[in-house]
Amino acid sequence: MIGFACGALWIVLVLVASRLSPQVDLLRFPLAWFGVLVALDGLARLRRGGSPLRTAADWIAAGAASIVCWDAFELVNLRLRNWWYVGVSPDPWAGGVFGAISFATVLPAMRLLSAQLAGAQPVDAPRRPWKAAAGVVMLLLALAFPRYAFPFAWIFLWPICETLAGVRVPWRAMALGLPLGLLWESLNWRCARGWFYTVPFFENPRLFEMPLPGYLGYLPFALECLAALALLDRLRPRLRGARGAVAFLLILCFHFGADLLARGQTVVSFSR
């Protein structure tokens, strides 16, 4: 209970401070999500007697996988142009670090949130290559026809990760997507360092910065996150010691490369 209360109090303090200080508002999103993670971790310990993220290695692995997943979406968005960033530091290194910290919150939050819903964990299932092929087709359609096939950008990783991990994510886990999405968008609302959307055919009405139909995308996104976590669990036994260090270094290189490429395309003050 103490962890949940401390996390909730931290979020409130960050939101109040962000209204009083422009400097804090530039850091609002990762600061507030630190409180979210603390609160969800405390809730998991309260309800389950323990956290699914038990060690520092668990947090680092989930955060690193989260960066990879979100950088994949950032690269796809270079074609879609569905969201844009404001308030980004002109220093590419500072911008890259900020992005890495922010991106690293997603999968840990989903792992902690999924602990609150019984029957939401992935279960072993036969690998069906056609599912991975379907995910690749979705990605190609989104890239080829971004104006019409952009919803596939939020689905394609789900069947690919399920196939590679040899699992099936229960559909009931979609219930986790909407509260996560509402929290995600609310903490970004009118943030000095945040994002806004330009989605074809669905500009209005909006709740926070997100067009209302866009919240439907958080339903399959929850399945996508849990499938990615299941794949991470399959890979972790092979990424211990030196292999893990090399993998982490490669993830950082991938992130900063993707960030440098994206900032010239989807950051409003730098976009061509």
Protein backbone atom coordinates (compact mmCIF):
# COMPACT_ATOMS: atom_id res chain seq x y z
CA MET A 1 0.00 0.00 0.00
CA ILE A 2 2.89 2.35 0.78
CA GLY A 3 4.37 1.94 -2.72
CA PHE A 4 1.04 2.67 -4.41
CA ALA A 5 0.42 5.74 -2.23
CA CYS A 6 3.95 7.07 -2.81
CA GLY A 7 3.63 6.63 -6.58
CA ALA A 8 0.23 8.35 -6.69
CA LEU A 9 1.50 11.22 -4.53
CA TRP A 10 4.55 11.62 -6.76
CA ILE A 11 2.33 11.91 -9.86
CA VAL A 12 0.26 14.64 -8.20
CA LEU A 13 3.38 16.54 -7.16
CA VAL A 14 4.83 16.33 -10.68
CA LEU A 15 1.60 17.60 -12.24
CA VAL A 16 1.43 20.52 -9.81
CA ALA A 17 5.10 21.37 -10.30
CA SER A 18 4.72 21.23 -14.08
CA ARG A 19 2.08 23.96 -13.89
CA LEU A 20 4.41 26.15 -11.84
CA SER A 21 7.68 25.54 -13.68
CA PRO A 22 8.28 25.35 -17.45
CA GLN A 23 11.49 23.40 -16.77
CA VAL A 24 9.58 20.72 -14.88
CA ASP A 25 6.91 20.64 -17.60
CA LEU A 26 9.58 19.78 -20.16
CA LEU A 27 10.32 16.69 -18.05
CA ARG A 28 6.73 15.98 -17.03
CA PHE A 29 6.18 12.79 -18.98
CA PRO A 30 9.08 10.63 -17.70
CA LEU A 31 8.80 12.12 -14.21
CA ALA A 32 5.10 11.31 -14.01
CA TRP A 33 5.62 7.83 -15.44
CA PHE A 34 8.17 7.12 -12.75
CA GLY A 35 5.30 7.62 -10.32
CA VAL A 36 3.03 5.41 -12.42
CA LEU A 37 5.55 2.57 -12.30
CA VAL A 38 6.04 2.94 -8.56
CA ALA A 39 2.26 2.93 -8.03
CA LEU A 40 1.69 -0.12 -10.25
CA ASP A 41 4.57 -1.96 -8.60
CA GLY A 42 3.12 -1.19 -5.18
CA LEU A 43 -0.33 -2.34 -6.31
CA ALA A 44 1.10 -5.61 -7.61
CA ARG A 45 2.89 -6.23 -4.32
CA LEU A 46 -0.28 -5.44 -2.40
CA ARG A 47 -2.52 -7.74 -4.43
CA ARG A 48 -0.08 -10.56 -5.29
CA GLY A 49 2.42 -10.37 -2.47
CA GLY A 50 5.20 -9.65 -4.96
CA SER A 51 6.08 -7.75 -8.11
CA PRO A 52 6.53 -9.33 -11.57
CA LEU A 53 9.60 -7.09 -11.85
CA ARG A 54 11.54 -8.48 -8.90
CA THR A 55 15.11 -7.47 -9.69
CA ALA A 56 17.02 -4.63 -11.31
CA ALA A 57 17.75 -6.99 -14.22
CA ASP A 58 13.99 -7.47 -14.74
CA TRP A 59 13.48 -3.70 -14.97
CA ILE A 60 16.43 -3.20 -17.31
CA ALA A 61 15.37 -6.03 -19.63
CA ALA A 62 11.76 -4.84 -19.86
CA GLY A 63 12.89 -1.23 -20.37
CA ALA A 64 15.37 -2.17 -23.09
CA ALA A 65 12.77 -4.26 -24.93
CA SER A 66 10.36 -1.35 -24.63
CA ILE A 67 12.86 0.98 -26.31
CA VAL A 68 13.25 -1.44 -29.23
CA CYS A 69 9.49 -1.76 -29.72
CA TRP A 70 8.84 1.95 -29.60
CA ASP A 71 11.74 2.76 -31.91
CA ALA A 72 10.16 0.35 -34.40
CA PHE A 73 6.98 2.43 -34.25
CA GLU A 74 9.01 5.63 -34.63
CA LEU A 75 10.58 4.30 -37.81
CA VAL A 76 7.20 3.26 -39.19
CA ASN A 77 5.89 6.73 -38.39
CA LEU A 78 8.45 8.22 -40.76
CA ARG A 79 6.14 6.89 -43.45
CA LEU A 80 2.81 7.35 -41.66
CA ARG A 81 3.39 10.84 -40.20
CA ASN A 82 0.61 10.23 -37.66
CA TRP A 83 2.28 11.87 -34.66
CA TRP A 84 4.69 14.75 -34.19
CA TYR A 85 6.84 15.97 -31.32
CA VAL A 86 7.21 19.43 -29.80
CA GLY A 87 9.59 20.83 -27.20
CA VAL A 88 12.45 18.52 -28.18
CA SER A 89 15.93 19.61 -27.10
CA PRO A 90 18.11 20.88 -29.96
CA ASP A 91 20.91 18.76 -28.50
CA PRO A 92 20.55 15.35 -30.21
CA TRP A 93 22.20 13.53 -27.31
CA ALA A 94 19.86 15.09 -24.75
CA GLY A 95 16.90 14.36 -27.01
CA GLY A 96 18.00 10.77 -27.47
CA VAL A 97 18.42 10.17 -23.74
CA PHE A 98 15.02 11.73 -23.01
CA GLY A 99 13.42 9.54 -25.67
CA ALA A 100 15.09 6.39 -24.35
CA ILE A 101 13.91 7.05 -20.79
CA SER A 102 10.37 7.79 -21.98
CA PHE A 103 10.16 4.79 -24.31
CA ALA A 104 11.53 2.50 -21.59
CA THR A 105 8.40 2.97 -19.46
CA VAL A 106 5.88 1.24 -21.73
CA LEU A 107 6.56 -2.49 -21.39
CA PRO A 108 7.37 -2.32 -17.66
CA ALA A 109 4.03 -0.56 -17.12
CA MET A 110 2.20 -3.22 -19.12
CA ARG A 111 3.93 -6.03 -17.22
CA LEU A 112 2.91 -4.48 -13.90
CA LEU A 113 -0.59 -3.67 -15.12
CA SER A 114 -1.15 -7.20 -16.45
CA ALA A 115 -0.48 -8.52 -12.95
CA GLN A 116 -3.77 -6.91 -11.90
CA LEU A 117 -5.90 -8.93 -14.35
CA ALA A 118 -6.32 -12.66 -13.83
CA GLY A 119 -5.89 -14.73 -16.97
CA ALA A 120 -4.10 -11.99 -18.91
CA GLN A 121 -0.73 -13.76 -19.13
CA PRO A 122 0.36 -15.38 -22.42
CA VAL A 123 0.02 -19.16 -22.64
CA ASP A 124 2.12 -21.59 -24.65
CA ALA A 125 0.79 -22.28 -28.15
CA PRO A 126 2.06 -23.97 -31.31
CA ARG A 127 4.07 -21.71 -33.57
CA ARG A 128 2.10 -20.86 -36.69
CA PRO A 129 4.31 -19.21 -39.31
CA TRP A 130 1.29 -17.86 -41.16
CA LYS A 131 0.64 -15.54 -38.21
CA ALA A 132 4.10 -14.00 -38.49
CA ALA A 133 3.58 -13.71 -42.25
CA ALA A 134 0.29 -11.91 -41.59
CA GLY A 135 2.16 -9.44 -39.36
CA VAL A 136 4.69 -8.76 -42.11
CA VAL A 137 1.87 -8.20 -44.61
CA MET A 138 0.23 -5.74 -42.20
CA LEU A 139 3.48 -3.80 -41.93
CA LEU A 140 3.92 -3.71 -45.70
CA LEU A 141 0.34 -2.51 -46.19
CA ALA A 142 0.81 0.25 -43.61
CA LEU A 143 3.99 1.39 -45.37
CA ALA A 144 2.55 1.12 -48.87
CA PHE A 145 -0.80 2.80 -48.13
CA PRO A 146 -0.21 4.95 -45.03
CA ARG A 147 -3.33 7.08 -45.54
CA TYR A 148 -5.67 4.09 -45.41
CA ALA A 149 -3.79 1.19 -43.79
CA PHE A 150 -2.23 3.09 -40.87
CA PRO A 151 -4.16 1.05 -38.22
CA PHE A 152 -2.03 -1.97 -39.13
CA ALA A 153 0.98 -0.12 -37.68
CA TRP A 154 -0.43 -0.86 -34.21
CA ILE A 155 -1.13 -4.53 -34.86
CA PHE A 156 1.72 -5.99 -36.93
CA LEU A 157 4.07 -6.78 -34.02
CA TRP A 158 1.39 -8.78 -32.20
CA PRO A 159 1.30 -11.87 -34.50
CA ILE A 160 5.04 -11.66 -35.17
CA CYS A 161 5.97 -11.68 -31.47
CA GLU A 162 3.39 -14.35 -30.64
CA THR A 163 4.84 -16.64 -33.32
CA LEU A 164 8.47 -16.08 -32.35
CA ALA A 165 7.68 -16.60 -28.66
CA GLY A 166 5.43 -19.61 -29.23
CA VAL A 167 2.58 -18.16 -27.18
CA ARG A 168 -0.96 -16.91 -27.45
CA VAL A 169 -2.05 -13.77 -25.61
CA PRO A 170 -5.62 -14.10 -24.25
CA TRP A 171 -7.97 -11.62 -25.84
CA ARG A 172 -9.21 -10.53 -22.44
CA ALA A 173 -5.86 -8.78 -22.04
CA MET A 174 -7.21 -6.10 -24.38
CA ALA A 175 -8.99 -4.71 -21.31
CA LEU A 176 -5.61 -3.39 -20.19
CA GLY A 177 -5.15 -1.23 -23.26
CA LEU A 178 -7.74 1.46 -22.63
CA PRO A 179 -6.69 2.46 -19.08
CA LEU A 180 -3.06 2.47 -20.19
CA GLY A 181 -3.93 4.63 -23.19
CA LEU A 182 -5.99 7.09 -21.17
CA LEU A 183 -3.17 7.45 -18.67
CA TRP A 184 -0.59 7.77 -21.44
CA GLU A 185 -2.50 10.52 -23.24
CA SER A 186 -3.58 12.40 -20.11
CA LEU A 187 -0.01 12.78 -18.88
CA ASN A 188 0.97 14.15 -22.29
CA TRP A 189 -1.89 16.68 -22.47
CA ARG A 190 -0.58 20.20 -23.05
CA CYS A 191 2.89 19.07 -22.08
CA ALA A 192 5.74 21.39 -23.10
CA ARG A 193 7.70 18.35 -24.30
CA GLY A 194 5.12 16.04 -25.84
CA TRP A 195 3.34 15.05 -29.03
CA PHE A 196 0.20 15.61 -31.07
CA TYR A 197 -1.57 13.58 -33.76
CA THR A 198 -2.54 14.11 -37.39
CA VAL A 199 -4.53 10.98 -38.22
CA PRO A 200 -6.29 10.75 -41.62
CA PHE A 201 -10.10 10.87 -41.40
CA PHE A 202 -10.07 10.96 -37.57
CA GLU A 203 -8.95 14.41 -36.52
CA ASN A 204 -11.93 15.21 -34.28
CA PRO A 205 -13.38 14.90 -31.69
CA ARG A 206 -10.41 14.51 -29.38
CA LEU A 207 -9.85 13.42 -25.80
CA PHE A 208 -6.60 15.01 -24.70
CA GLU A 209 -4.41 14.98 -27.86
CA MET A 210 -5.75 11.69 -29.22
CA PRO A 211 -8.73 11.55 -31.66
CA LEU A 212 -11.42 9.46 -29.98
CA PRO A 213 -11.32 6.54 -32.49
CA GLY A 214 -7.58 6.30 -31.87
CA TYR A 215 -8.20 4.86 -28.42
CA LEU A 216 -9.44 1.68 -30.09
CA GLY A 217 -5.83 1.13 -31.16
CA TYR A 218 -4.84 0.63 -27.55
CA LEU A 219 -6.85 -2.61 -27.42
CA PRO A 220 -4.60 -4.59 -29.82
CA PHE A 221 -1.65 -2.59 -28.55
CA ALA A 222 -2.08 -4.29 -25.16
CA LEU A 223 -1.87 -7.69 -26.85
CA GLU A 224 1.17 -6.50 -28.77
CA CYS A 225 2.96 -5.43 -25.58
CA LEU A 226 2.27 -8.72 -23.80
CA ALA A 227 3.42 -10.71 -26.84
CA ALA A 228 6.64 -8.65 -26.91
CA LEU A 229 7.17 -9.36 -23.20
CA ALA A 230 6.64 -13.08 -23.83
CA LEU A 231 9.29 -12.97 -26.55
CA LEU A 232 11.61 -11.17 -24.15
CA ASP A 233 11.10 -13.96 -21.61
CA ARG A 234 12.11 -16.52 -24.25
CA LEU A 235 15.24 -14.59 -25.16
CA ARG A 236 16.51 -13.63 -21.72
CA PRO A 237 18.09 -17.02 -20.84
CA ARG A 238 20.30 -16.58 -23.92
CA LEU A 239 21.26 -13.00 -23.07
CA ARG A 240 23.16 -13.35 -19.85
CA GLY A 241 26.57 -11.96 -19.04
CA ALA A 242 28.56 -10.65 -21.99
CA ARG A 243 25.76 -11.42 -24.46
CA GLY A 244 23.36 -9.30 -22.46
CA ALA A 245 25.82 -6.41 -22.33
CA VAL A 246 26.36 -6.57 -26.09
CA ALA A 247 22.59 -6.73 -26.70
CA PHE A 248 22.06 -3.67 -24.49
CA LEU A 249 24.78 -1.76 -26.34
CA LEU A 250 23.22 -2.66 -29.70
CA ILE A 251 19.82 -1.47 -28.45
CA LEU A 252 21.31 1.89 -27.49
CA CYS A 253 22.97 2.22 -30.89
CA PHE A 254 19.71 1.34 -32.60
CA HIS A 255 17.82 3.86 -30.48
CA PHE A 256 20.14 6.80 -31.07
CA GLY A 257 20.29 6.01 -34.78
CA ALA A 258 16.49 5.90 -35.01
CA ASP A 259 16.21 9.08 -32.94
CA LEU A 260 18.62 11.00 -35.16
CA LEU A 261 16.71 9.86 -38.23
CA ALA A 262 13.28 10.67 -36.78
CA ARG A 263 14.05 14.09 -35.31
CA GLY A 264 14.52 15.52 -38.80
CA GLN A 265 11.14 14.16 -39.89
CA THR A 266 8.66 14.17 -36.99
CA VAL A 267 9.94 16.87 -34.61
CA VAL A 268 8.03 20.03 -35.51
CA SER A 269 10.89 22.48 -34.92
CA PHE A 270 13.34 20.40 -36.99
CA SER A 271 11.09 18.75 -39.55
CA ARG A 272 11.75 19.38 -43.21
